[in-house]
PDB file of N, CA and C in Angstrom:
ATOM      1  N   MET A   1     -71.041 -78.309 -20.326  1.00  0.00           N
ATOM      2  CA  MET A   1     -72.254 -79.411 -19.708  1.00  0.00           C
ATOM      3  C   MET A   1     -72.776 -79.304 -18.383  1.00  0.00           C
ATOM      4  N   PHE A   2     -74.056 -79.281 -18.431  1.00  0.00           N
ATOM      5  CA  PHE A   2     -75.015 -78.710 -17.417  1.00  0.00           C
ATOM      6  C   PHE A   2     -75.195 -80.049 -16.608  1.00  0.00           C
ATOM      7  N   LYS A   3     -75.770 -79.902 -15.372  1.00  0.00           N
ATOM      8  CA  LYS A   3     -76.404 -80.388 -14.098  1.00  0.00           C
ATOM      9  C   LYS A   3     -77.646 -80.547 -13.921  1.00  0.00           C
ATOM     10  N   VAL A   4     -77.993 -81.607 -13.372  1.00  0.00           N
ATOM     11  CA  VAL A   4     -79.511 -81.641 -13.058  1.00  0.00           C
ATOM     12  C   VAL A   4     -79.673 -80.233 -12.106  1.00  0.00           C
ATOM     13  N   GLY A   5     -80.818 -79.838 -12.261  1.00  0.00           N
ATOM     14  CA  GLY A   5     -80.992 -78.902 -11.199  1.00  0.00           C
ATOM     15  C   GLY A   5     -80.386 -77.205 -11.582  1.00  0.00           C
ATOM     16  N   ASP A   6     -79.587 -77.269 -12.639  1.00  0.00           N
ATOM     17  CA  ASP A   6     -79.019 -75.784 -12.957  1.00  0.00           C
ATOM     18  C   ASP A   6     -80.066 -74.928 -13.688  1.00  0.00           C
ATOM     19  N   LEU A   7     -80.209 -73.624 -13.441  1.00  0.00           N
ATOM     20  CA  LEU A   7     -81.029 -73.059 -13.973  1.00  0.00           C
ATOM     21  C   LEU A   7     -80.524 -72.288 -15.405  1.00  0.00           C
ATOM     22  N   VAL A   8     -81.112 -72.545 -16.346  1.00  0.00           N
ATOM     23  CA  VAL A   8     -80.749 -72.107 -17.707  1.00  0.00           C
ATOM     24  C   VAL A   8     -81.472 -71.262 -18.517  1.00  0.00           C
ATOM     25  N   MET A   9     -81.101 -70.774 -19.620  1.00  0.00           N
ATOM     26  CA  MET A   9     -81.784 -69.931 -20.462  1.00  0.00           C
ATOM     27  C   MET A   9     -81.637 -70.293 -21.767  1.00  0.00           C
ATOM     28  N   HIS A  10     -82.587 -70.420 -22.638  1.00  0.00           N
ATOM     29  CA  HIS A  10     -82.665 -71.090 -23.999  1.00  0.00           C
ATOM     30  C   HIS A  10     -82.248 -69.930 -24.794  1.00  0.00           C
ATOM     31  N   ILE A  11     -80.941 -70.113 -25.491  1.00  0.00           N
ATOM     32  CA  ILE A  11     -80.545 -69.060 -26.549  1.00  0.00           C
ATOM     33  C   ILE A  11     -80.165 -69.482 -27.656  1.00  0.00           C
ATOM     34  N   PRO A  12     -81.498 -69.446 -28.663  1.00  0.00           N
ATOM     35  CA  PRO A  12     -80.918 -69.880 -30.031  1.00  0.00           C
ATOM     36  C   PRO A  12     -80.136 -68.926 -30.545  1.00  0.00           C
ATOM     37  N   HIS A  13     -78.985 -69.051 -31.276  1.00  0.00           N
ATOM     38  CA  HIS A  13     -78.191 -68.059 -31.662  1.00  0.00           C
ATOM     39  C   HIS A  13     -77.544 -68.524 -32.936  1.00  0.00           C
ATOM     40  N   SER A  14     -77.103 -67.609 -33.812  1.00  0.00           N
ATOM     41  CA  SER A  14     -75.994 -67.770 -34.574  1.00  0.00           C
ATOM     42  C   SER A  14     -74.931 -66.682 -34.765  1.00  0.00           C
ATOM     43  N   ARG A  15     -73.904 -67.036 -35.169  1.00  0.00           N
ATOM     44  CA  ARG A  15     -72.614 -66.018 -35.177  1.00  0.00           C
ATOM     45  C   ARG A  15     -72.233 -66.116 -36.485  1.00  0.00           C
ATOM     46  N   GLY A  16     -71.622 -64.722 -36.893  1.00  0.00           N
ATOM     47  CA  GLY A  16     -70.898 -64.706 -38.330  1.00  0.00           C
ATOM     48  C   GLY A  16     -71.800 -63.646 -38.908  1.00  0.00           C
ATOM     49  N   HIS A  17     -71.589 -63.714 -40.332  1.00  0.00           N
ATOM     50  CA  HIS A  17     -72.092 -62.673 -41.133  1.00  0.00           C
ATOM     51  C   HIS A  17     -73.805 -62.894 -41.255  1.00  0.00           C
ATOM     52  N   GLN A  18     -74.441 -61.564 -40.902  1.00  0.00           N
ATOM     53  CA  GLN A  18     -75.962 -61.525 -40.614  1.00  0.00           C
ATOM     54  C   GLN A  18     -76.251 -62.365 -39.491  1.00  0.00           C
ATOM     55  N   SER A  19     -75.565 -62.366 -38.405  1.00  0.00           N
ATOM     56  CA  SER A  19     -75.885 -63.046 -37.181  1.00  0.00           C
ATOM     57  C   SER A  19     -77.164 -62.520 -36.653  1.00  0.00           C
ATOM     58  N   TRP A  20     -77.908 -63.540 -35.706  1.00  0.00           N
ATOM     59  CA  TRP A  20     -79.086 -62.872 -34.791  1.00  0.00           C
ATOM     60  C   TRP A  20     -78.701 -63.572 -33.658  1.00  0.00           C
ATOM     61  N   VAL A  21     -79.392 -63.203 -32.534  1.00  0.00           N
ATOM     62  CA  VAL A  21     -79.483 -63.591 -31.386  1.00  0.00           C
ATOM     63  C   VAL A  21     -80.671 -63.341 -30.658  1.00  0.00           C
ATOM     64  N   MET A  22     -81.112 -64.436 -30.155  1.00  0.00           N
ATOM     65  CA  MET A  22     -82.510 -64.367 -29.525  1.00  0.00           C
ATOM     66  C   MET A  22     -82.854 -65.209 -28.217  1.00  0.00           C
ATOM     67  N   TYR A  23     -83.434 -64.309 -27.407  1.00  0.00           N
ATOM     68  CA  TYR A  23     -83.320 -64.874 -25.987  1.00  0.00           C
ATOM     69  C   TYR A  23     -84.774 -65.513 -25.758  1.00  0.00           C
ATOM     70  N   GLY A  24     -84.532 -66.683 -25.123  1.00  0.00           N
ATOM     71  CA  GLY A  24     -85.829 -67.197 -24.851  1.00  0.00           C
ATOM     72  C   GLY A  24     -86.109 -67.643 -23.527  1.00  0.00           C
ATOM     73  N   GLY A  25     -86.701 -68.729 -23.150  1.00  0.00           N
ATOM     74  CA  GLY A  25     -87.436 -68.973 -21.679  1.00  0.00           C
ATOM     75  C   GLY A  25     -86.218 -69.593 -20.816  1.00  0.00           C
ATOM     76  N   ILE A  26     -86.587 -69.284 -19.533  1.00  0.00           N
ATOM     77  CA  ILE A  26     -85.772 -69.780 -18.351  1.00  0.00           C
ATOM     78  C   ILE A  26     -86.431 -71.001 -17.938  1.00  0.00           C
ATOM     79  N   GLY A  27     -85.489 -72.031 -17.585  1.00  0.00           N
ATOM     80  CA  GLY A  27     -85.875 -73.278 -17.068  1.00  0.00           C
ATOM     81  C   GLY A  27     -84.940 -74.084 -16.327  1.00  0.00           C
ATOM     82  N   ILE A  28     -85.338 -75.363 -15.737  1.00  0.00           N
ATOM     83  CA  ILE A  28     -84.368 -76.117 -15.114  1.00  0.00           C
ATOM     84  C   ILE A  28     -84.347 -77.435 -15.480  1.00  0.00           C
ATOM     85  N   VAL A  29     -82.915 -77.735 -15.486  1.00  0.00           N
ATOM     86  CA  VAL A  29     -82.527 -78.902 -16.184  1.00  0.00           C
ATOM     87  C   VAL A  29     -83.050 -80.106 -15.088  1.00  0.00           C
ATOM     88  N   THR A  30     -83.919 -81.147 -15.937  1.00  0.00           N
ATOM     89  CA  THR A  30     -84.198 -82.133 -15.206  1.00  0.00           C
ATOM     90  C   THR A  30     -83.564 -83.688 -15.210  1.00  0.00           C
ATOM     91  N   SER A  31     -83.212 -83.554 -16.702  1.00  0.00           N
ATOM     92  CA  SER A  31     -82.315 -84.730 -16.755  1.00  0.00           C
ATOM     93  C   SER A  31     -81.368 -84.824 -18.368  1.00  0.00           C
ATOM     94  N   LEU A  32     -80.659 -85.634 -18.269  1.00  0.00           N
ATOM     95  CA  LEU A  32     -79.704 -85.582 -19.572  1.00  0.00           C
ATOM     96  C   LEU A  32     -80.356 -86.900 -20.241  1.00  0.00           C
ATOM     97  N   ILE A  33     -80.599 -86.246 -21.587  1.00  0.00           N
ATOM     98  CA  ILE A  33     -81.272 -87.559 -22.324  1.00  0.00           C
ATOM     99  C   ILE A  33     -80.382 -88.514 -22.947  1.00  0.00           C
ATOM    100  N   GLN A  34     -79.591 -87.820 -24.014  1.00  0.00           N
ATOM    101  CA  GLN A  34     -78.738 -88.715 -25.134  1.00  0.00           C
ATOM    102  C   GLN A  34     -78.026 -87.424 -26.160  1.00  0.00           C
ATOM    103  N   TYR A  35     -77.153 -88.178 -26.739  1.00  0.00           N
ATOM    104  CA  TYR A  35     -76.525 -87.236 -27.780  1.00  0.00           C
ATOM    105  C   TYR A  35     -77.513 -87.362 -29.265  1.00  0.00           C
ATOM    106  N   ASN A  36     -77.547 -86.092 -29.740  1.00  0.00           N
ATOM    107  CA  ASN A  36     -78.189 -85.772 -30.921  1.00  0.00           C
ATOM    108  C   ASN A  36     -77.360 -86.409 -32.157  1.00  0.00           C
ATOM    109  N   LYS A  37     -77.597 -85.888 -33.488  1.00  0.00           N
ATOM    110  CA  LYS A  37     -76.889 -86.513 -34.581  1.00  0.00           C
ATOM    111  C   LYS A  37     -75.700 -85.654 -34.794  1.00  0.00           C
ATOM    112  N   ARG A  38     -75.776 -84.506 -34.220  1.00  0.00           N
ATOM    113  CA  ARG A  38     -74.781 -83.331 -34.146  1.00  0.00           C
ATOM    114  C   ARG A  38     -73.594 -83.878 -33.184  1.00  0.00           C
ATOM    115  N   GLY A  39     -74.056 -84.787 -32.328  1.00  0.00           N
ATOM    116  CA  GLY A  39     -72.957 -84.878 -31.234  1.00  0.00           C
ATOM    117  C   GLY A  39     -73.061 -84.068 -29.924  1.00  0.00           C
ATOM    118  N   LYS A  40     -74.129 -83.300 -30.129  1.00  0.00           N
ATOM    119  CA  LYS A  40     -74.618 -82.279 -29.085  1.00  0.00           C
ATOM    120  C   LYS A  40     -75.222 -83.278 -27.940  1.00  0.00           C
ATOM    121  N   LEU A  41     -75.193 -83.109 -26.483  1.00  0.00           N
ATOM    122  CA  LEU A  41     -76.111 -83.557 -25.705  1.00  0.00           C
ATOM    123  C   LEU A  41     -77.621 -83.022 -25.420  1.00  0.00           C
ATOM    124  N   LEU A  42     -78.348 -83.649 -25.556  1.00  0.00           N
ATOM    125  CA  LEU A  42     -79.830 -83.268 -25.280  1.00  0.00           C
ATOM    126  C   LEU A  42     -79.891 -83.206 -23.809  1.00  0.00           C
ATOM    127  N   TYR A  43     -80.781 -82.338 -23.182  1.00  0.00           N
ATOM    128  CA  TYR A  43     -81.207 -82.263 -21.831  1.00  0.00           C
ATOM    129  C   TYR A  43     -82.727 -81.915 -21.773  1.00  0.00           C
ATOM    130  N   ARG A  44     -83.711 -82.560 -20.726  1.00  0.00           N
ATOM    131  CA  ARG A  44     -84.897 -82.093 -20.682  1.00  0.00           C
ATOM    132  C   ARG A  44     -85.032 -81.061 -19.845  1.00  0.00           C
ATOM    133  N   ILE A  45     -85.765 -80.026 -20.239  1.00  0.00           N
ATOM    134  CA  ILE A  45     -85.810 -78.857 -19.313  1.00  0.00           C
ATOM    135  C   ILE A  45     -87.401 -78.655 -19.299  1.00  0.00           C
ATOM    136  N   LYS A  46     -87.524 -77.988 -17.825  1.00  0.00           N
ATOM    137  CA  LYS A  46     -88.718 -77.905 -17.562  1.00  0.00           C
ATOM    138  C   LYS A  46     -88.818 -76.325 -17.396  1.00  0.00           C
ATOM    139  N   TRP A  47     -89.719 -75.765 -18.119  1.00  0.00           N
ATOM    140  CA  TRP A  47     -89.941 -74.374 -18.410  1.00  0.00           C
ATOM    141  C   TRP A  47     -90.595 -73.725 -17.311  1.00  0.00           C
ATOM    142  N   ILE A  48     -90.013 -72.526 -16.686  1.00  0.00           N
ATOM    143  CA  ILE A  48     -90.806 -72.032 -15.610  1.00  0.00           C
ATOM    144  C   ILE A  48     -91.976 -71.246 -15.978  1.00  0.00           C
ATOM    145  N   LYS A  49     -92.147 -70.874 -17.115  1.00  0.00           N
ATOM    146  CA  LYS A  49     -93.337 -70.052 -17.757  1.00  0.00           C
ATOM    147  C   LYS A  49     -94.469 -70.746 -17.501  1.00  0.00           C
ATOM    148  N   ASP A  50     -94.388 -71.950 -18.187  1.00  0.00           N
ATOM    149  CA  ASP A  50     -95.823 -72.812 -18.142  1.00  0.00           C
ATOM    150  C   ASP A  50     -95.621 -74.141 -17.496  1.00  0.00           C
ATOM    151  N   TYR A  51     -94.671 -74.571 -16.938  1.00  0.00           N
ATOM    152  CA  TYR A  51     -94.364 -75.966 -16.473  1.00  0.00           C
ATOM    153  C   TYR A  51     -94.195 -77.012 -17.603  1.00  0.00           C
ATOM    154  N   SER A  52     -94.325 -76.539 -18.836  1.00  0.00           N
ATOM    155  CA  SER A  52     -94.097 -77.481 -19.802  1.00  0.00           C
ATOM    156  C   SER A  52     -92.528 -78.202 -19.855  1.00  0.00           C
ATOM    157  N   GLU A  53     -92.463 -79.067 -20.460  1.00  0.00           N
ATOM    158  CA  GLU A  53     -91.004 -79.867 -20.699  1.00  0.00           C
ATOM    159  C   GLU A  53     -90.821 -79.804 -22.257  1.00  0.00           C
ATOM    160  N   SER A  54     -89.406 -79.821 -22.356  1.00  0.00           N
ATOM    161  CA  SER A  54     -88.895 -80.315 -23.709  1.00  0.00           C
ATOM    162  C   SER A  54     -87.439 -80.786 -23.913  1.00  0.00           C
ATOM    163  N   MET A  55     -86.922 -81.230 -24.972  1.00  0.00           N
ATOM    164  CA  MET A  55     -85.243 -81.626 -24.953  1.00  0.00           C
ATOM    165  C   MET A  55     -84.755 -80.536 -25.829  1.00  0.00           C
ATOM    166  N   VAL A  56     -83.822 -80.090 -25.376  1.00  0.00           N
ATOM    167  CA  VAL A  56     -82.987 -79.024 -26.090  1.00  0.00           C
ATOM    168  C   VAL A  56     -81.529 -79.247 -26.241  1.00  0.00           C
ATOM    169  N   ALA A  57     -80.801 -79.051 -27.049  1.00  0.00           N
ATOM    170  CA  ALA A  57     -79.314 -79.601 -27.360  1.00  0.00           C
ATOM    171  C   ALA A  57     -78.691 -78.752 -26.286  1.00  0.00           C
ATOM    172  N   GLU A  58     -77.381 -78.821 -25.946  1.00  0.00           N
ATOM    173  CA  GLU A  58     -76.439 -78.164 -24.960  1.00  0.00           C
ATOM    174  C   GLU A  58     -76.268 -76.790 -25.790  1.00  0.00           C
ATOM    175  N   ASP A  59     -75.778 -76.838 -27.155  1.00  0.00           N
ATOM    176  CA  ASP A  59     -75.345 -75.611 -28.006  1.00  0.00           C
ATOM    177  C   ASP A  59     -76.316 -74.169 -27.928  1.00  0.00           C
ATOM    178  N   PHE A  60     -77.793 -74.751 -27.341  1.00  0.00           N
ATOM    179  CA  PHE A  60     -78.879 -73.567 -27.301  1.00  0.00           C
ATOM    180  C   PHE A  60     -79.275 -73.488 -26.025  1.00  0.00           C
ATOM    181  N   LEU A  61     -78.311 -73.991 -24.848  1.00  0.00           N
ATOM    182  CA  LEU A  61     -78.533 -73.523 -23.599  1.00  0.00           C
ATOM    183  C   LEU A  61     -77.362 -72.771 -22.818  1.00  0.00           C
ATOM    184  N   VAL A  62     -77.468 -71.805 -21.588  1.00  0.00           N
ATOM    185  CA  VAL A  62     -76.628 -71.213 -21.264  1.00  0.00           C
ATOM    186  C   VAL A  62     -77.138 -70.885 -19.700  1.00  0.00           C
ATOM    187  N   LYS A  63     -76.115 -71.427 -18.771  1.00  0.00           N
ATOM    188  CA  LYS A  63     -76.513 -71.049 -17.354  1.00  0.00           C
ATOM    189  C   LYS A  63     -76.607 -69.791 -16.988  1.00  0.00           C
ATOM    190  N   LEU A  64     -77.734 -69.680 -16.122  1.00  0.00           N
ATOM    191  CA  LEU A  64     -78.233 -68.082 -15.888  1.00  0.00           C
ATOM    192  C   LEU A  64     -77.061 -67.584 -14.801  1.00  0.00           C
ATOM    193  N   GLU A  65     -76.334 -68.506 -14.246  1.00  0.00           N
ATOM    194  CA  GLU A  65     -75.363 -67.817 -13.358  1.00  0.00           C
ATOM    195  C   GLU A  65     -74.184 -66.988 -14.011  1.00  0.00           C
ATOM    196  N   GLU A  66     -74.023 -67.674 -15.217  1.00  0.00           N
ATOM    197  CA  GLU A  66     -72.557 -67.125 -15.993  1.00  0.00           C
ATOM    198  C   GLU A  66     -72.888 -65.742 -16.542  1.00  0.00           C
ATOM    199  N   PRO A  67     -71.945 -65.247 -16.801  1.00  0.00           N
ATOM    200  CA  PRO A  67     -72.227 -63.984 -17.574  1.00  0.00           C
ATOM    201  C   PRO A  67     -72.225 -64.492 -18.911  1.00  0.00           C
ATOM    202  N   TRP A  68     -73.777 -64.816 -19.379  1.00  0.00           N
ATOM    203  CA  TRP A  68     -74.224 -65.260 -20.694  1.00  0.00           C
ATOM    204  C   TRP A  68     -73.910 -64.498 -21.658  1.00  0.00           C
ATOM    205  N   ILE A  69     -73.741 -63.171 -21.689  1.00  0.00           N
ATOM    206  CA  ILE A  69     -73.507 -62.322 -23.118  1.00  0.00           C
ATOM    207  C   ILE A  69     -72.026 -62.772 -23.304  1.00  0.00           C
ATOM    208  N   ASP A  70     -71.224 -63.102 -22.592  1.00  0.00           N
ATOM    209  CA  ASP A  70     -69.934 -63.539 -23.100  1.00  0.00           C
ATOM    210  C   ASP A  70     -70.014 -64.797 -23.785  1.00  0.00           C
ATOM    211  N   VAL A  71     -71.012 -65.572 -23.234  1.00  0.00           N
ATOM    212  CA  VAL A  71     -70.850 -66.957 -24.044  1.00  0.00           C
ATOM    213  C   VAL A  71     -71.709 -66.762 -25.492  1.00  0.00           C
ATOM    214  N   VAL A  72     -72.592 -66.258 -25.613  1.00  0.00           N
ATOM    215  CA  VAL A  72     -73.275 -65.601 -26.826  1.00  0.00           C
ATOM    216  C   VAL A  72     -72.389 -64.806 -27.874  1.00  0.00           C
ATOM    217  N   CYS A  73     -71.502 -63.899 -27.174  1.00  0.00           N
ATOM    218  CA  CYS A  73     -70.511 -63.029 -28.287  1.00  0.00           C
ATOM    219  C   CYS A  73     -69.307 -63.986 -28.438  1.00  0.00           C
ATOM    220  N   GLY A  74     -69.115 -64.998 -27.598  1.00  0.00           N
ATOM    221  CA  GLY A  74     -67.955 -65.604 -28.016  1.00  0.00           C
ATOM    222  C   GLY A  74     -66.737 -64.988 -27.391  1.00  0.00           C
ATOM    223  N   ASN A  75     -66.800 -64.247 -26.502  1.00  0.00           N
ATOM    224  CA  ASN A  75     -65.537 -63.391 -25.735  1.00  0.00           C
ATOM    225  C   ASN A  75     -64.914 -64.314 -24.598  1.00  0.00           C
TER     226      ASN A  75
END
């Protein structure tokens, strides 16, 4: 779970056979929105690159302060 003001990186990824990992933009959590159909919390993110905002589910975000490679690899 993230807090408002956390610096996050968008990491859409899949694990398992023929998995792929892709690194996206860096943004700041500006608000917590709601739970989506999959039961994941949605966050509003303000992206640093172009100051746009979008909603992203928690399973596609990782805090930049954490050793995020461990989160992606499941270690």
